[in-house]
N, C-alpha and C. Protein backbone atom coordinates (compact mmCIF):
# COMPACT_ATOMS: atom_id res chain seq x y z
N MET A 1 114.34 149.24 116.86
CA MET A 1 114.97 148.12 116.22
C MET A 1 116.39 148.49 115.76
N ILE A 2 116.53 149.69 115.25
CA ILE A 2 117.84 150.11 114.77
C ILE A 2 118.83 150.21 115.93
N ARG A 3 118.38 150.70 117.06
CA ARG A 3 119.27 150.75 118.24
C ARG A 3 119.67 149.35 118.69
N GLN A 4 118.75 148.41 118.60
CA GLN A 4 119.06 147.03 118.97
C GLN A 4 120.10 146.45 118.02
N MET A 5 120.02 146.83 116.76
CA MET A 5 121.01 146.34 115.80
C MET A 5 122.41 146.79 116.21
N ARG A 6 122.52 148.04 116.65
CA ARG A 6 123.83 148.53 117.10
C ARG A 6 124.27 147.79 118.35
N PHE A 7 123.35 147.56 119.26
CA PHE A 7 123.66 146.87 120.51
C PHE A 7 124.20 145.46 120.23
N PHE A 8 123.57 144.76 119.28
CA PHE A 8 123.99 143.40 118.95
C PHE A 8 125.09 143.35 117.89
N ARG A 9 125.58 144.51 117.53
CA ARG A 9 126.70 144.64 116.58
C ARG A 9 126.41 144.02 115.21
N VAL A 10 125.20 144.24 114.75
CA VAL A 10 124.84 143.81 113.40
C VAL A 10 124.51 145.04 112.55
N ASP A 11 125.25 146.10 112.77
CA ASP A 11 124.98 147.38 112.12
C ASP A 11 126.07 147.82 111.16
N LYS A 12 126.89 146.92 110.69
CA LYS A 12 128.04 147.33 109.88
C LYS A 12 127.63 147.96 108.55
N HIS A 13 126.42 147.71 108.07
CA HIS A 13 125.97 148.27 106.80
C HIS A 13 125.09 149.51 107.00
N ILE A 14 124.97 149.97 108.23
CA ILE A 14 124.14 151.15 108.51
C ILE A 14 125.06 152.32 108.82
N ASP A 15 124.85 153.42 108.14
CA ASP A 15 125.67 154.60 108.31
C ASP A 15 125.44 155.23 109.68
N ASP A 16 126.45 155.84 110.26
CA ASP A 16 126.32 156.49 111.57
C ASP A 16 125.30 157.63 111.55
N ALA A 17 125.10 158.23 110.39
CA ALA A 17 124.12 159.33 110.30
C ALA A 17 122.72 158.84 110.63
N VAL A 18 122.43 157.59 110.32
CA VAL A 18 121.12 157.03 110.64
C VAL A 18 120.93 156.98 112.15
N PHE A 19 121.96 156.56 112.86
CA PHE A 19 121.87 156.48 114.33
C PHE A 19 121.76 157.87 114.94
N LYS A 20 122.49 158.83 114.39
CA LYS A 20 122.40 160.20 114.89
C LYS A 20 120.99 160.76 114.69
N LEU A 21 120.41 160.45 113.53
CA LEU A 21 119.06 160.92 113.24
C LEU A 21 118.04 160.30 114.19
N THR A 22 118.10 158.98 114.37
CA THR A 22 117.12 158.32 115.24
C THR A 22 117.29 158.72 116.70
N ASP A 23 118.50 159.06 117.11
CA ASP A 23 118.71 159.52 118.48
C ASP A 23 118.04 160.86 118.74
N GLN A 24 117.79 161.63 117.68
CA GLN A 24 117.14 162.93 117.83
C GLN A 24 115.62 162.82 117.89
N TRP A 25 115.09 161.70 117.46
CA TRP A 25 113.65 161.52 117.46
C TRP A 25 113.12 161.38 118.87
N CYS A 26 111.95 161.93 119.10
CA CYS A 26 111.29 161.79 120.39
C CYS A 26 109.83 161.42 120.12
N LEU A 27 109.46 160.25 120.57
CA LEU A 27 108.09 159.80 120.38
C LEU A 27 107.23 160.31 121.53
N GLY A 28 106.14 160.94 121.19
CA GLY A 28 105.26 161.49 122.21
C GLY A 28 104.47 160.40 122.92
N GLY A 29 104.15 160.64 124.14
CA GLY A 29 103.36 159.70 124.91
C GLY A 29 102.05 160.33 125.32
N SER A 30 101.31 159.64 126.14
CA SER A 30 100.05 160.19 126.62
C SER A 30 100.30 161.19 127.74
N ASP A 31 99.29 161.99 128.03
CA ASP A 31 99.41 162.95 129.12
C ASP A 31 99.43 162.19 130.44
N LYS A 32 100.53 162.29 131.14
CA LYS A 32 100.70 161.56 132.40
C LYS A 32 99.91 162.25 133.52
N GLY A 33 99.18 161.48 134.28
CA GLY A 33 98.46 162.01 135.43
C GLY A 33 97.10 162.61 135.12
N LEU A 34 96.72 162.66 133.87
CA LEU A 34 95.45 163.28 133.50
C LEU A 34 94.26 162.51 134.07
N ALA A 35 94.33 161.18 134.03
CA ALA A 35 93.23 160.36 134.54
C ALA A 35 93.04 160.57 136.04
N VAL A 36 94.13 160.74 136.76
CA VAL A 36 94.04 160.96 138.21
C VAL A 36 93.48 162.34 138.51
N LEU A 37 93.98 163.34 137.81
CA LEU A 37 93.53 164.72 138.06
C LEU A 37 92.06 164.92 137.73
N THR A 38 91.56 164.22 136.71
CA THR A 38 90.17 164.39 136.29
C THR A 38 89.23 163.35 136.90
N PHE A 39 89.78 162.46 137.73
CA PHE A 39 89.00 161.38 138.34
C PHE A 39 88.24 160.59 137.28
N ASP A 40 88.94 160.26 136.20
CA ASP A 40 88.34 159.49 135.11
C ASP A 40 87.79 158.18 135.66
N PRO A 41 86.50 157.87 135.40
CA PRO A 41 85.90 156.67 135.97
C PRO A 41 86.39 155.37 135.33
N GLU A 42 87.02 155.45 134.16
CA GLU A 42 87.52 154.24 133.50
C GLU A 42 88.97 153.95 133.84
N THR A 43 89.81 154.96 133.85
CA THR A 43 91.24 154.74 134.05
C THR A 43 91.81 155.46 135.27
N GLY A 44 91.02 156.31 135.90
CA GLY A 44 91.49 157.05 137.07
C GLY A 44 91.39 156.22 138.34
N PRO A 45 91.69 156.84 139.47
CA PRO A 45 91.65 156.12 140.74
C PRO A 45 90.23 155.76 141.15
N PHE A 46 90.10 154.75 141.99
CA PHE A 46 88.79 154.38 142.51
C PHE A 46 88.27 155.51 143.40
N SER A 47 86.97 155.74 143.32
CA SER A 47 86.37 156.68 144.26
C SER A 47 86.26 155.98 145.61
N ASP A 48 85.98 156.73 146.66
CA ASP A 48 85.83 156.13 148.00
C ASP A 48 84.71 155.09 148.00
N LEU A 49 83.63 155.39 147.31
CA LEU A 49 82.50 154.48 147.25
C LEU A 49 82.87 153.18 146.53
N GLU A 50 83.58 153.28 145.40
CA GLU A 50 84.01 152.09 144.67
C GLU A 50 84.97 151.25 145.52
N PHE A 51 85.90 151.92 146.16
CA PHE A 51 86.90 151.24 146.98
C PHE A 51 86.24 150.43 148.09
N GLU A 52 85.27 151.05 148.76
CA GLU A 52 84.56 150.37 149.85
C GLU A 52 83.69 149.22 149.29
N ALA A 53 83.04 149.45 148.16
CA ALA A 53 82.17 148.43 147.58
C ALA A 53 82.97 147.19 147.16
N ILE A 54 84.14 147.39 146.61
CA ILE A 54 84.98 146.25 146.22
C ILE A 54 85.33 145.41 147.44
N GLY A 55 85.75 146.07 148.50
CA GLY A 55 86.12 145.34 149.72
C GLY A 55 84.96 144.60 150.34
N LEU A 56 83.81 145.25 150.43
CA LEU A 56 82.65 144.61 151.05
C LEU A 56 82.14 143.45 150.19
N HIS A 57 82.06 143.66 148.89
CA HIS A 57 81.58 142.60 148.01
C HIS A 57 82.51 141.39 148.06
N ALA A 58 83.80 141.63 148.04
CA ALA A 58 84.77 140.52 148.11
C ALA A 58 84.65 139.78 149.44
N ALA A 59 84.48 140.52 150.53
CA ALA A 59 84.35 139.88 151.84
C ALA A 59 83.08 139.03 151.91
N TYR A 60 81.99 139.53 151.37
CA TYR A 60 80.74 138.76 151.36
C TYR A 60 80.88 137.50 150.51
N ARG A 61 81.48 137.65 149.33
CA ARG A 61 81.67 136.49 148.45
C ARG A 61 82.58 135.44 149.12
N TYR A 62 83.58 135.90 149.83
CA TYR A 62 84.47 134.96 150.53
C TYR A 62 83.73 134.28 151.68
N ALA A 63 82.92 135.05 152.41
CA ALA A 63 82.15 134.48 153.52
C ALA A 63 81.13 133.46 153.03
N GLU A 64 80.59 133.68 151.84
CA GLU A 64 79.62 132.74 151.26
C GLU A 64 80.31 131.56 150.55
N ARG A 65 81.63 131.53 150.63
CA ARG A 65 82.46 130.50 149.99
C ARG A 65 82.33 130.49 148.47
N LYS A 66 82.09 131.67 147.90
CA LYS A 66 82.05 131.80 146.45
C LYS A 66 83.40 132.26 145.90
N PHE A 67 84.27 132.72 146.78
CA PHE A 67 85.66 133.03 146.46
C PHE A 67 86.54 132.07 147.22
N ARG A 68 87.55 131.52 146.55
CA ARG A 68 88.56 130.75 147.27
C ARG A 68 89.48 131.73 147.99
N MET A 69 90.26 131.22 148.91
CA MET A 69 91.16 132.09 149.67
C MET A 69 92.17 132.77 148.75
N ASP A 70 92.71 132.05 147.76
CA ASP A 70 93.69 132.67 146.87
C ASP A 70 93.06 133.76 146.01
N GLU A 71 91.81 133.57 145.60
CA GLU A 71 91.11 134.60 144.83
C GLU A 71 90.86 135.84 145.68
N TYR A 72 90.45 135.61 146.92
CA TYR A 72 90.20 136.74 147.82
C TYR A 72 91.50 137.48 148.12
N ALA A 73 92.58 136.73 148.34
CA ALA A 73 93.87 137.36 148.61
C ALA A 73 94.36 138.18 147.41
N CYS A 74 94.19 137.63 146.21
CA CYS A 74 94.60 138.34 144.99
C CYS A 74 93.78 139.62 144.82
N LEU A 75 92.48 139.53 145.01
CA LEU A 75 91.63 140.70 144.89
C LEU A 75 91.99 141.74 145.94
N SER A 76 92.27 141.30 147.15
CA SER A 76 92.65 142.24 148.21
C SER A 76 93.97 142.92 147.90
N MET A 77 94.90 142.17 147.30
CA MET A 77 96.19 142.75 146.94
C MET A 77 96.01 143.84 145.87
N PHE A 78 95.23 143.53 144.84
CA PHE A 78 95.00 144.52 143.79
C PHE A 78 94.21 145.71 144.32
N LYS A 79 93.27 145.46 145.21
CA LYS A 79 92.50 146.55 145.80
C LYS A 79 93.41 147.46 146.62
N SER A 80 94.32 146.87 147.36
CA SER A 80 95.20 147.68 148.19
C SER A 80 96.15 148.53 147.36
N SER A 81 96.47 148.08 146.14
CA SER A 81 97.35 148.88 145.29
C SER A 81 96.57 149.93 144.50
N GLY A 82 95.23 149.82 144.49
CA GLY A 82 94.40 150.81 143.82
C GLY A 82 94.36 150.71 142.31
N ARG A 83 94.77 149.59 141.77
CA ARG A 83 94.80 149.44 140.31
C ARG A 83 93.46 148.96 139.77
N ARG A 84 93.10 149.49 138.61
CA ARG A 84 91.91 149.03 137.90
C ARG A 84 92.30 147.86 137.00
N ALA A 85 91.30 147.14 136.50
CA ALA A 85 91.54 145.98 135.65
C ALA A 85 92.37 146.33 134.42
N VAL A 86 92.14 147.50 133.84
CA VAL A 86 92.88 147.93 132.66
C VAL A 86 94.37 148.05 132.97
N GLN A 87 94.68 148.58 134.15
CA GLN A 87 96.08 148.75 134.54
C GLN A 87 96.74 147.40 134.82
N ILE A 88 96.01 146.49 135.44
CA ILE A 88 96.55 145.17 135.74
C ILE A 88 96.78 144.41 134.44
N ALA A 89 95.85 144.53 133.50
CA ALA A 89 95.97 143.82 132.23
C ALA A 89 97.15 144.33 131.41
N SER A 90 97.59 145.56 131.64
CA SER A 90 98.69 146.11 130.86
C SER A 90 100.06 145.71 131.40
N PHE A 91 100.12 144.99 132.52
CA PHE A 91 101.41 144.51 133.02
C PHE A 91 102.05 143.59 132.00
N LYS A 92 103.34 143.66 131.90
CA LYS A 92 104.11 142.77 131.05
C LYS A 92 105.07 141.98 131.94
N CYS A 93 105.50 140.84 131.45
CA CYS A 93 106.45 140.03 132.22
C CYS A 93 107.72 140.82 132.52
N ARG A 94 108.13 141.68 131.59
CA ARG A 94 109.36 142.44 131.81
C ARG A 94 109.20 143.50 132.90
N ASP A 95 107.96 143.75 133.35
CA ASP A 95 107.73 144.71 134.42
C ASP A 95 108.18 144.17 135.78
N PHE A 96 108.45 142.88 135.83
CA PHE A 96 108.82 142.25 137.09
C PHE A 96 110.19 141.60 136.96
N CYS A 97 110.90 141.52 138.07
CA CYS A 97 112.17 140.80 138.06
C CYS A 97 112.37 140.19 139.45
N ILE A 98 113.21 139.18 139.51
CA ILE A 98 113.57 138.58 140.79
C ILE A 98 114.88 139.21 141.22
N LEU A 99 114.92 139.74 142.42
CA LEU A 99 116.13 140.39 142.90
C LEU A 99 117.24 139.37 143.04
N PRO A 100 118.47 139.74 142.68
CA PRO A 100 119.59 138.81 142.79
C PRO A 100 119.78 138.32 144.23
N ASN A 101 120.13 137.05 144.37
CA ASN A 101 120.40 136.42 145.66
C ASN A 101 119.21 136.40 146.60
N THR A 102 118.01 136.54 146.05
CA THR A 102 116.80 136.47 146.88
C THR A 102 115.74 135.72 146.09
N ARG A 103 114.63 135.53 146.70
CA ARG A 103 113.49 134.95 145.99
C ARG A 103 112.36 135.96 145.95
N VAL A 104 112.72 137.24 145.97
CA VAL A 104 111.73 138.31 146.03
C VAL A 104 111.41 138.80 144.62
N LEU A 105 110.14 138.80 144.28
CA LEU A 105 109.68 139.33 142.99
C LEU A 105 109.40 140.81 143.19
N GLN A 106 109.98 141.64 142.34
CA GLN A 106 109.82 143.07 142.50
C GLN A 106 109.26 143.68 141.23
N ARG A 107 108.41 144.67 141.38
CA ARG A 107 107.87 145.42 140.24
C ARG A 107 108.93 146.40 139.81
N MET A 108 109.25 146.40 138.51
CA MET A 108 110.24 147.33 137.98
C MET A 108 109.53 148.63 137.65
N TRP A 109 110.01 149.72 138.15
CA TRP A 109 109.40 151.02 137.87
C TRP A 109 110.29 151.76 136.89
N CYS A 110 109.84 151.86 135.66
CA CYS A 110 110.64 152.51 134.61
C CYS A 110 110.04 153.85 134.27
């Protein structure tokens, strides 16, 4: 928030020492790649068996007309990217942008 105040030029009452101090702070994050390395069943990659089961179940549901075409296409897209429901749910609108001069929606990788 303090950095945003400087960006929007509403920081005239905040001493520069405050900005120097906050620039030195480093907030820790989670261990990156741990879920993949340990094959965590909740947040890690799908196993081969899970991956195949998702595809077969979706195909059967679509063949039985219990999935609409758009639902099947959406599920196939998420399956092909290998994302679990937790990862999909964590997407934010700011993770996506439309490329200038196109109509292409792109995932922002930060």
